[in-house]
Amino acid sequence: MAVEVGGRSIAIFNVEGRYYGLLNRCPHRGADLCAGRFLPRVTAAVPGEYHYDTEHTFLVCPWHGWEFDVTTGQSYFDPVGMRGRPYKVDVESGATIAGMQPGPLRAETVSVQVEDDYLVVDLRPQRPQRAQSARTEKQETV
């Protein structure tokens, strides 16, 4: 599903009970990634012998078939030059969100299939290769 957070369209994916967020725009040509589908990783030791790894799936862009890892945004079509922009997503108890102190967070409810919980989207891009910045940045919840 796609949600609007802080003026950005974020694609939220539920993969076996774990939630992931990517900017809902393919970095190649701008297709909505939430309209993509998941396919298994295919490997071959020799030509003609294929192995379908259903435990490792890729999100496939609906326009040109570019493959992305939803957990990191890593592109497998162009791993060096292109990646999707990932966002950290957490599921928080509705009671926790409702009892929060006023602060830099803003909560919006979005209809999801998890009762009495909210998806929390951290708008700071997740960059596994870089150290986390010490400065505080804006975080919003969905």
N, C-alpha and C. Protein backbone atom coordinates (compact mmCIF):
# COMPACT_ATOMS: atom_id res chain seq x y z
N MET A 1 0.84 -1.18 0.00
CA MET A 1 0.00 0.00 0.00
C MET A 1 0.88 1.24 0.00
N ALA A 2 0.36 2.32 -0.48
CA ALA A 2 1.09 3.59 -0.47
C ALA A 2 0.41 4.52 0.53
N VAL A 3 1.24 5.24 1.30
CA VAL A 3 0.73 6.23 2.24
C VAL A 3 1.46 7.54 2.01
N GLU A 4 0.79 8.62 2.30
CA GLU A 4 1.39 9.95 2.17
C GLU A 4 1.93 10.34 3.54
N VAL A 5 3.24 10.58 3.65
CA VAL A 5 3.87 10.97 4.90
C VAL A 5 4.78 12.16 4.63
N GLY A 6 4.50 13.27 5.27
CA GLY A 6 5.35 14.44 5.11
C GLY A 6 5.47 14.89 3.66
N GLY A 7 4.40 14.75 2.88
CA GLY A 7 4.45 15.16 1.48
C GLY A 7 5.10 14.15 0.57
N ARG A 8 5.46 12.98 1.09
CA ARG A 8 6.10 11.94 0.29
C ARG A 8 5.18 10.74 0.20
N SER A 9 5.17 10.08 -0.95
CA SER A 9 4.44 8.83 -1.10
C SER A 9 5.40 7.71 -0.71
N ILE A 10 5.03 6.97 0.34
CA ILE A 10 5.86 5.87 0.83
C ILE A 10 5.11 4.57 0.57
N ALA A 11 5.78 3.62 -0.08
CA ALA A 11 5.21 2.30 -0.31
C ALA A 11 5.52 1.44 0.91
N ILE A 12 4.48 0.88 1.52
CA ILE A 12 4.64 0.03 2.69
C ILE A 12 4.40 -1.41 2.26
N PHE A 13 5.32 -2.29 2.63
CA PHE A 13 5.22 -3.71 2.26
C PHE A 13 5.20 -4.56 3.51
N ASN A 14 4.28 -5.50 3.56
CA ASN A 14 4.21 -6.48 4.63
C ASN A 14 4.74 -7.79 4.07
N VAL A 15 5.96 -8.14 4.48
CA VAL A 15 6.59 -9.36 3.99
C VAL A 15 6.67 -10.33 5.16
N GLU A 16 5.77 -11.29 5.16
CA GLU A 16 5.71 -12.31 6.21
C GLU A 16 5.68 -11.69 7.61
N GLY A 17 4.84 -10.66 7.76
CA GLY A 17 4.65 -10.04 9.07
C GLY A 17 5.65 -8.96 9.43
N ARG A 18 6.62 -8.69 8.58
CA ARG A 18 7.58 -7.61 8.80
C ARG A 18 7.28 -6.50 7.81
N TYR A 19 7.34 -5.25 8.30
CA TYR A 19 6.98 -4.11 7.46
C TYR A 19 8.23 -3.38 6.99
N TYR A 20 8.20 -2.98 5.70
CA TYR A 20 9.29 -2.24 5.09
C TYR A 20 8.71 -1.06 4.32
N GLY A 21 9.48 0.01 4.22
CA GLY A 21 9.04 1.18 3.48
C GLY A 21 10.07 1.60 2.46
N LEU A 22 9.61 1.95 1.28
CA LEU A 22 10.45 2.50 0.22
C LEU A 22 9.74 3.73 -0.34
N LEU A 23 10.52 4.71 -0.76
CA LEU A 23 9.92 5.81 -1.49
C LEU A 23 9.15 5.19 -2.65
N ASN A 24 7.90 5.58 -2.82
CA ASN A 24 7.04 4.94 -3.80
C ASN A 24 7.32 5.46 -5.21
N ARG A 25 8.57 5.44 -5.58
CA ARG A 25 8.97 5.90 -6.91
C ARG A 25 10.22 5.13 -7.32
N CYS A 26 10.11 4.41 -8.41
CA CYS A 26 11.27 3.70 -8.92
C CYS A 26 12.32 4.73 -9.35
N PRO A 27 13.57 4.59 -8.92
CA PRO A 27 14.58 5.57 -9.29
C PRO A 27 14.93 5.54 -10.78
N HIS A 28 14.49 4.54 -11.50
CA HIS A 28 14.78 4.45 -12.92
C HIS A 28 13.92 5.43 -13.72
N ARG A 29 12.58 5.27 -13.65
CA ARG A 29 11.68 6.13 -14.42
C ARG A 29 10.46 6.61 -13.65
N GLY A 30 10.41 6.36 -12.33
CA GLY A 30 9.36 6.93 -11.51
C GLY A 30 8.09 6.14 -11.33
N ALA A 31 8.07 4.88 -11.70
CA ALA A 31 6.86 4.06 -11.52
C ALA A 31 6.54 3.90 -10.04
N ASP A 32 5.26 3.71 -9.72
CA ASP A 32 4.85 3.45 -8.35
C ASP A 32 5.30 2.05 -7.95
N LEU A 33 6.22 1.96 -7.00
CA LEU A 33 6.73 0.65 -6.60
C LEU A 33 5.68 -0.19 -5.88
N CYS A 34 4.69 0.47 -5.26
CA CYS A 34 3.65 -0.30 -4.57
C CYS A 34 2.81 -1.11 -5.55
N ALA A 35 2.89 -0.80 -6.84
CA ALA A 35 2.17 -1.57 -7.86
C ALA A 35 3.00 -2.73 -8.38
N GLY A 36 4.23 -2.86 -7.88
CA GLY A 36 5.10 -3.95 -8.32
C GLY A 36 4.68 -5.27 -7.69
N ARG A 37 5.37 -6.33 -8.06
CA ARG A 37 5.08 -7.64 -7.48
C ARG A 37 6.37 -8.27 -6.99
N PHE A 38 6.24 -9.29 -6.17
CA PHE A 38 7.40 -9.99 -5.62
C PHE A 38 7.64 -11.27 -6.39
N LEU A 39 8.90 -11.49 -6.75
CA LEU A 39 9.30 -12.71 -7.45
C LEU A 39 10.48 -13.34 -6.73
N PRO A 40 10.63 -14.66 -6.82
CA PRO A 40 11.76 -15.31 -6.15
C PRO A 40 13.08 -15.03 -6.87
N ARG A 41 14.16 -15.13 -6.11
CA ARG A 41 15.49 -15.00 -6.71
C ARG A 41 15.77 -16.28 -7.51
N VAL A 42 16.30 -16.10 -8.71
CA VAL A 42 16.63 -17.23 -9.57
C VAL A 42 18.14 -17.28 -9.75
N THR A 43 18.73 -18.43 -9.49
CA THR A 43 20.17 -18.62 -9.69
C THR A 43 20.39 -19.84 -10.57
N ALA A 44 21.56 -19.88 -11.19
CA ALA A 44 21.90 -21.02 -12.04
C ALA A 44 23.39 -21.30 -11.94
N ALA A 45 23.73 -22.53 -11.57
CA ALA A 45 25.14 -22.93 -11.53
C ALA A 45 25.66 -23.20 -12.94
N VAL A 46 24.79 -23.73 -13.77
CA VAL A 46 25.13 -24.00 -15.17
C VAL A 46 23.92 -23.62 -16.03
N PRO A 47 24.14 -23.31 -17.29
CA PRO A 47 23.01 -22.96 -18.16
C PRO A 47 21.96 -24.08 -18.19
N GLY A 48 20.71 -23.67 -18.08
CA GLY A 48 19.61 -24.62 -18.17
C GLY A 48 19.16 -25.22 -16.86
N GLU A 49 19.93 -25.06 -15.78
CA GLU A 49 19.55 -25.58 -14.47
C GLU A 49 19.30 -24.40 -13.54
N TYR A 50 18.02 -24.15 -13.26
CA TYR A 50 17.64 -22.98 -12.48
C TYR A 50 17.17 -23.38 -11.09
N HIS A 51 17.49 -22.52 -10.14
CA HIS A 51 17.03 -22.72 -8.76
C HIS A 51 16.21 -21.50 -8.35
N TYR A 52 14.96 -21.73 -7.96
CA TYR A 52 14.09 -20.67 -7.50
C TYR A 52 14.18 -20.61 -5.98
N ASP A 53 14.70 -19.50 -5.46
CA ASP A 53 14.86 -19.31 -4.02
C ASP A 53 13.69 -18.48 -3.51
N THR A 54 12.64 -19.15 -3.03
CA THR A 54 11.44 -18.46 -2.59
C THR A 54 11.62 -17.77 -1.24
N GLU A 55 12.72 -18.04 -0.55
CA GLU A 55 12.98 -17.35 0.73
C GLU A 55 13.60 -15.98 0.51
N HIS A 56 14.13 -15.73 -0.68
CA HIS A 56 14.71 -14.43 -1.02
C HIS A 56 13.97 -13.91 -2.24
N THR A 57 13.12 -12.92 -2.01
CA THR A 57 12.33 -12.39 -3.11
C THR A 57 12.74 -10.96 -3.42
N PHE A 58 12.43 -10.53 -4.61
CA PHE A 58 12.70 -9.17 -5.06
C PHE A 58 11.38 -8.49 -5.36
N LEU A 59 11.33 -7.18 -5.11
CA LEU A 59 10.23 -6.36 -5.58
C LEU A 59 10.58 -5.97 -7.01
N VAL A 60 9.66 -6.21 -7.93
CA VAL A 60 9.92 -5.94 -9.34
C VAL A 60 9.10 -4.73 -9.76
N CYS A 61 9.78 -3.73 -10.31
CA CYS A 61 9.13 -2.51 -10.78
C CYS A 61 8.10 -2.87 -11.86
N PRO A 62 6.89 -2.29 -11.78
CA PRO A 62 5.85 -2.65 -12.74
C PRO A 62 6.10 -2.16 -14.16
N TRP A 63 6.97 -1.20 -14.36
CA TRP A 63 7.19 -0.67 -15.70
C TRP A 63 8.28 -1.41 -16.47
N HIS A 64 9.47 -1.52 -15.89
CA HIS A 64 10.60 -2.06 -16.65
C HIS A 64 11.24 -3.28 -16.01
N GLY A 65 10.64 -3.78 -14.93
CA GLY A 65 11.13 -5.02 -14.33
C GLY A 65 12.39 -4.89 -13.50
N TRP A 66 12.80 -3.68 -13.11
CA TRP A 66 13.97 -3.55 -12.27
C TRP A 66 13.69 -4.20 -10.93
N GLU A 67 14.66 -4.88 -10.37
CA GLU A 67 14.48 -5.63 -9.12
C GLU A 67 15.10 -4.90 -7.95
N PHE A 68 14.36 -4.87 -6.83
CA PHE A 68 14.82 -4.19 -5.62
C PHE A 68 14.63 -5.09 -4.40
N ASP A 69 15.54 -4.98 -3.48
CA ASP A 69 15.41 -5.62 -2.17
C ASP A 69 14.63 -4.64 -1.30
N VAL A 70 13.42 -5.01 -0.84
CA VAL A 70 12.60 -4.07 -0.08
C VAL A 70 13.20 -3.75 1.29
N THR A 71 14.09 -4.60 1.79
CA THR A 71 14.66 -4.34 3.11
C THR A 71 15.72 -3.24 3.07
N THR A 72 16.38 -3.06 1.93
CA THR A 72 17.47 -2.08 1.83
C THR A 72 17.30 -1.08 0.70
N GLY A 73 16.46 -1.38 -0.27
CA GLY A 73 16.33 -0.55 -1.47
C GLY A 73 17.34 -0.90 -2.54
N GLN A 74 18.22 -1.86 -2.27
CA GLN A 74 19.27 -2.26 -3.21
C GLN A 74 18.68 -2.66 -4.55
N SER A 75 19.21 -2.10 -5.63
CA SER A 75 18.81 -2.47 -6.98
C SER A 75 19.71 -3.61 -7.45
N TYR A 76 19.12 -4.60 -8.09
CA TYR A 76 19.93 -5.68 -8.63
C TYR A 76 20.13 -5.54 -10.13
N PHE A 77 19.47 -4.57 -10.73
CA PHE A 77 19.69 -4.29 -12.14
C PHE A 77 20.92 -3.40 -12.29
N ASP A 78 21.07 -2.43 -11.41
CA ASP A 78 22.20 -1.50 -11.41
C ASP A 78 22.62 -1.25 -9.97
N PRO A 79 23.28 -2.22 -9.32
CA PRO A 79 23.56 -2.13 -7.89
C PRO A 79 24.48 -0.98 -7.49
N VAL A 80 25.31 -0.49 -8.38
CA VAL A 80 26.22 0.59 -8.03
C VAL A 80 25.57 1.96 -8.21
N GLY A 81 24.83 2.14 -9.29
CA GLY A 81 24.34 3.46 -9.63
C GLY A 81 22.92 3.78 -9.19
N MET A 82 22.17 2.79 -8.73
CA MET A 82 20.77 3.07 -8.44
C MET A 82 20.28 2.23 -7.27
N ARG A 83 19.43 2.85 -6.44
CA ARG A 83 18.79 2.13 -5.35
C ARG A 83 17.49 2.84 -4.99
N GLY A 84 16.56 2.08 -4.44
CA GLY A 84 15.33 2.66 -3.92
C GLY A 84 15.65 3.30 -2.57
N ARG A 85 14.86 4.28 -2.18
CA ARG A 85 15.12 4.96 -0.91
C ARG A 85 14.31 4.28 0.20
N PRO A 86 15.01 3.56 1.10
CA PRO A 86 14.28 2.85 2.16
C PRO A 86 13.93 3.76 3.34
N TYR A 87 12.86 3.40 4.04
CA TYR A 87 12.45 4.08 5.26
C TYR A 87 12.18 3.02 6.32
N LYS A 88 12.61 3.31 7.53
CA LYS A 88 12.38 2.39 8.65
C LYS A 88 10.89 2.44 9.01
N VAL A 89 10.29 1.27 9.16
CA VAL A 89 8.88 1.17 9.52
C VAL A 89 8.77 0.27 10.75
N ASP A 90 8.08 0.74 11.77
CA ASP A 90 7.84 -0.04 12.97
C ASP A 90 6.35 -0.13 13.22
N VAL A 91 5.93 -1.19 13.86
CA VAL A 91 4.55 -1.31 14.31
C VAL A 91 4.55 -0.94 15.78
N GLU A 92 3.74 0.05 16.13
CA GLU A 92 3.65 0.51 17.51
C GLU A 92 2.23 0.30 18.02
N SER A 93 2.12 -0.02 19.28
CA SER A 93 0.82 -0.19 19.91
C SER A 93 0.05 1.12 19.87
N GLY A 94 -1.24 1.04 19.60
CA GLY A 94 -2.07 2.24 19.61
C GLY A 94 -2.03 2.95 20.95
N ALA A 95 -1.95 2.19 22.06
CA ALA A 95 -1.87 2.79 23.39
C ALA A 95 -0.57 3.57 23.55
N THR A 96 0.52 3.07 22.99
CA THR A 96 1.80 3.76 23.07
C THR A 96 1.75 5.08 22.33
N ILE A 97 1.21 5.08 21.13
CA ILE A 97 1.12 6.30 20.33
C ILE A 97 0.19 7.30 21.00
N ALA A 98 -0.96 6.84 21.47
CA ALA A 98 -1.93 7.74 22.09
C ALA A 98 -1.38 8.38 23.36
N GLY A 99 -0.48 7.70 24.08
CA GLY A 99 0.06 8.21 25.33
C GLY A 99 1.34 9.01 25.18
N MET A 100 1.74 9.32 23.95
CA MET A 100 2.99 10.04 23.73
C MET A 100 2.92 11.47 24.24
N GLN A 101 4.02 11.97 24.68
CA GLN A 101 4.13 13.36 25.07
C GLN A 101 4.19 14.22 23.81
N PRO A 102 3.70 15.48 23.89
CA PRO A 102 3.83 16.35 22.71
C PRO A 102 5.29 16.49 22.31
N GLY A 103 5.55 16.47 21.05
CA GLY A 103 6.94 16.57 20.60
C GLY A 103 7.01 16.69 19.09
N PRO A 104 8.13 16.30 18.52
CA PRO A 104 8.33 16.46 17.09
C PRO A 104 7.60 15.42 16.25
N LEU A 105 6.87 14.49 16.88
CA LEU A 105 6.19 13.45 16.13
C LEU A 105 4.74 13.82 15.88
N ARG A 106 4.24 13.43 14.74
CA ARG A 106 2.84 13.63 14.42
C ARG A 106 2.28 12.28 14.00
N ALA A 107 1.18 11.89 14.57
CA ALA A 107 0.60 10.58 14.26
C ALA A 107 -0.64 10.75 13.40
N GLU A 108 -0.71 9.93 12.36
CA GLU A 108 -1.89 9.84 11.52
C GLU A 108 -2.27 8.37 11.49
N THR A 109 -3.54 8.07 11.50
CA THR A 109 -3.94 6.67 11.42
C THR A 109 -4.20 6.31 9.98
N VAL A 110 -3.81 5.10 9.62
CA VAL A 110 -4.03 4.56 8.29
C VAL A 110 -4.64 3.19 8.48
N SER A 111 -5.67 2.89 7.73
CA SER A 111 -6.33 1.60 7.86
C SER A 111 -5.39 0.51 7.37
N VAL A 112 -4.98 -0.36 8.29
CA VAL A 112 -4.15 -1.52 7.95
C VAL A 112 -4.80 -2.73 8.59
N GLN A 113 -4.29 -3.92 8.34
CA GLN A 113 -4.90 -5.12 8.86
C GLN A 113 -4.34 -5.53 10.21
N VAL A 114 -3.66 -4.64 10.89
CA VAL A 114 -3.17 -4.91 12.24
C VAL A 114 -4.04 -4.11 13.18
N GLU A 115 -4.83 -4.74 14.01
CA GLU A 115 -5.79 -4.05 14.86
C GLU A 115 -5.09 -3.28 15.97
N ASP A 116 -5.55 -2.06 16.22
CA ASP A 116 -5.11 -1.22 17.33
C ASP A 116 -3.61 -0.90 17.31
N ASP A 117 -2.99 -0.97 16.17
CA ASP A 117 -1.59 -0.63 16.05
C ASP A 117 -1.42 0.39 14.93
N TYR A 118 -0.29 1.03 14.91
CA TYR A 118 0.04 2.00 13.87
C TYR A 118 1.36 1.59 13.23
N LEU A 119 1.54 1.98 11.96
CA LEU A 119 2.83 1.84 11.32
C LEU A 119 3.58 3.13 11.56
N VAL A 120 4.82 3.04 12.00
CA VAL A 120 5.64 4.22 12.25
C VAL A 120 6.70 4.26 11.16
N VAL A 121 6.72 5.34 10.38
CA VAL A 121 7.66 5.48 9.27
C VAL A 121 8.68 6.53 9.65
N ASP A 122 9.94 6.15 9.71
CA ASP A 122 11.04 7.06 9.98
C ASP A 122 11.47 7.65 8.66
N LEU A 123 11.31 8.98 8.49
CA LEU A 123 11.60 9.61 7.20
C LEU A 123 13.09 9.79 6.94
N ARG A 124 13.93 9.45 7.89
CA ARG A 124 15.36 9.51 7.63
C ARG A 124 15.73 8.30 6.78
N PRO A 125 16.37 8.51 5.62
CA PRO A 125 16.72 7.37 4.77
C PRO A 125 17.67 6.43 5.50
N GLN A 126 17.46 5.14 5.32
CA GLN A 126 18.32 4.14 5.92
C GLN A 126 19.50 3.91 4.99
N ARG A 127 20.67 4.23 5.45
CA ARG A 127 21.89 4.04 4.66
C ARG A 127 22.80 3.10 5.42
N PRO A 128 22.81 1.82 5.08
CA PRO A 128 23.58 0.85 5.85
C PRO A 128 25.07 1.11 5.83
N GLN A 129 25.59 1.78 4.81
CA GLN A 129 27.03 2.02 4.70
C GLN A 129 27.50 3.21 5.53
N ARG A 130 26.58 4.07 5.96
CA ARG A 130 26.96 5.28 6.68
C ARG A 130 26.61 5.17 8.15
N ALA A 131 27.38 5.87 8.98
CA ALA A 131 27.06 5.94 10.41
C ALA A 131 25.86 6.84 10.60
N GLN A 132 25.06 6.57 11.63
CA GLN A 132 23.90 7.39 11.92
C GLN A 132 24.33 8.78 12.34
N SER A 133 23.63 9.78 11.87
CA SER A 133 23.93 11.17 12.22
C SER A 133 23.55 11.43 13.66
N ALA A 134 24.33 12.24 14.36
CA ALA A 134 24.06 12.54 15.76
C ALA A 134 22.96 13.57 15.92
N ARG A 135 22.71 14.34 14.87
CA ARG A 135 21.69 15.37 15.00
C ARG A 135 20.30 14.75 14.91
N THR A 136 19.35 15.37 15.55
CA THR A 136 17.98 14.90 15.56
C THR A 136 17.27 15.39 14.31
N GLU A 137 16.60 14.46 13.59
CA GLU A 137 15.85 14.83 12.41
C GLU A 137 14.38 14.55 12.65
N LYS A 138 13.56 15.15 11.82
CA LYS A 138 12.12 15.02 11.95
C LYS A 138 11.70 13.58 11.69
N GLN A 139 10.83 13.05 12.53
CA GLN A 139 10.28 11.72 12.37
C GLN A 139 8.78 11.85 12.43
N GLU A 140 8.10 11.18 11.54
CA GLU A 140 6.65 11.23 11.53
C GLU A 140 6.13 9.79 11.60
N THR A 141 4.93 9.65 12.07
CA THR A 141 4.32 8.33 12.13
C THR A 141 3.09 8.30 11.27
N VAL A 142 2.78 7.12 10.82
CA VAL A 142 1.59 6.90 10.01
C VAL A 142 0.66 6.04 10.82
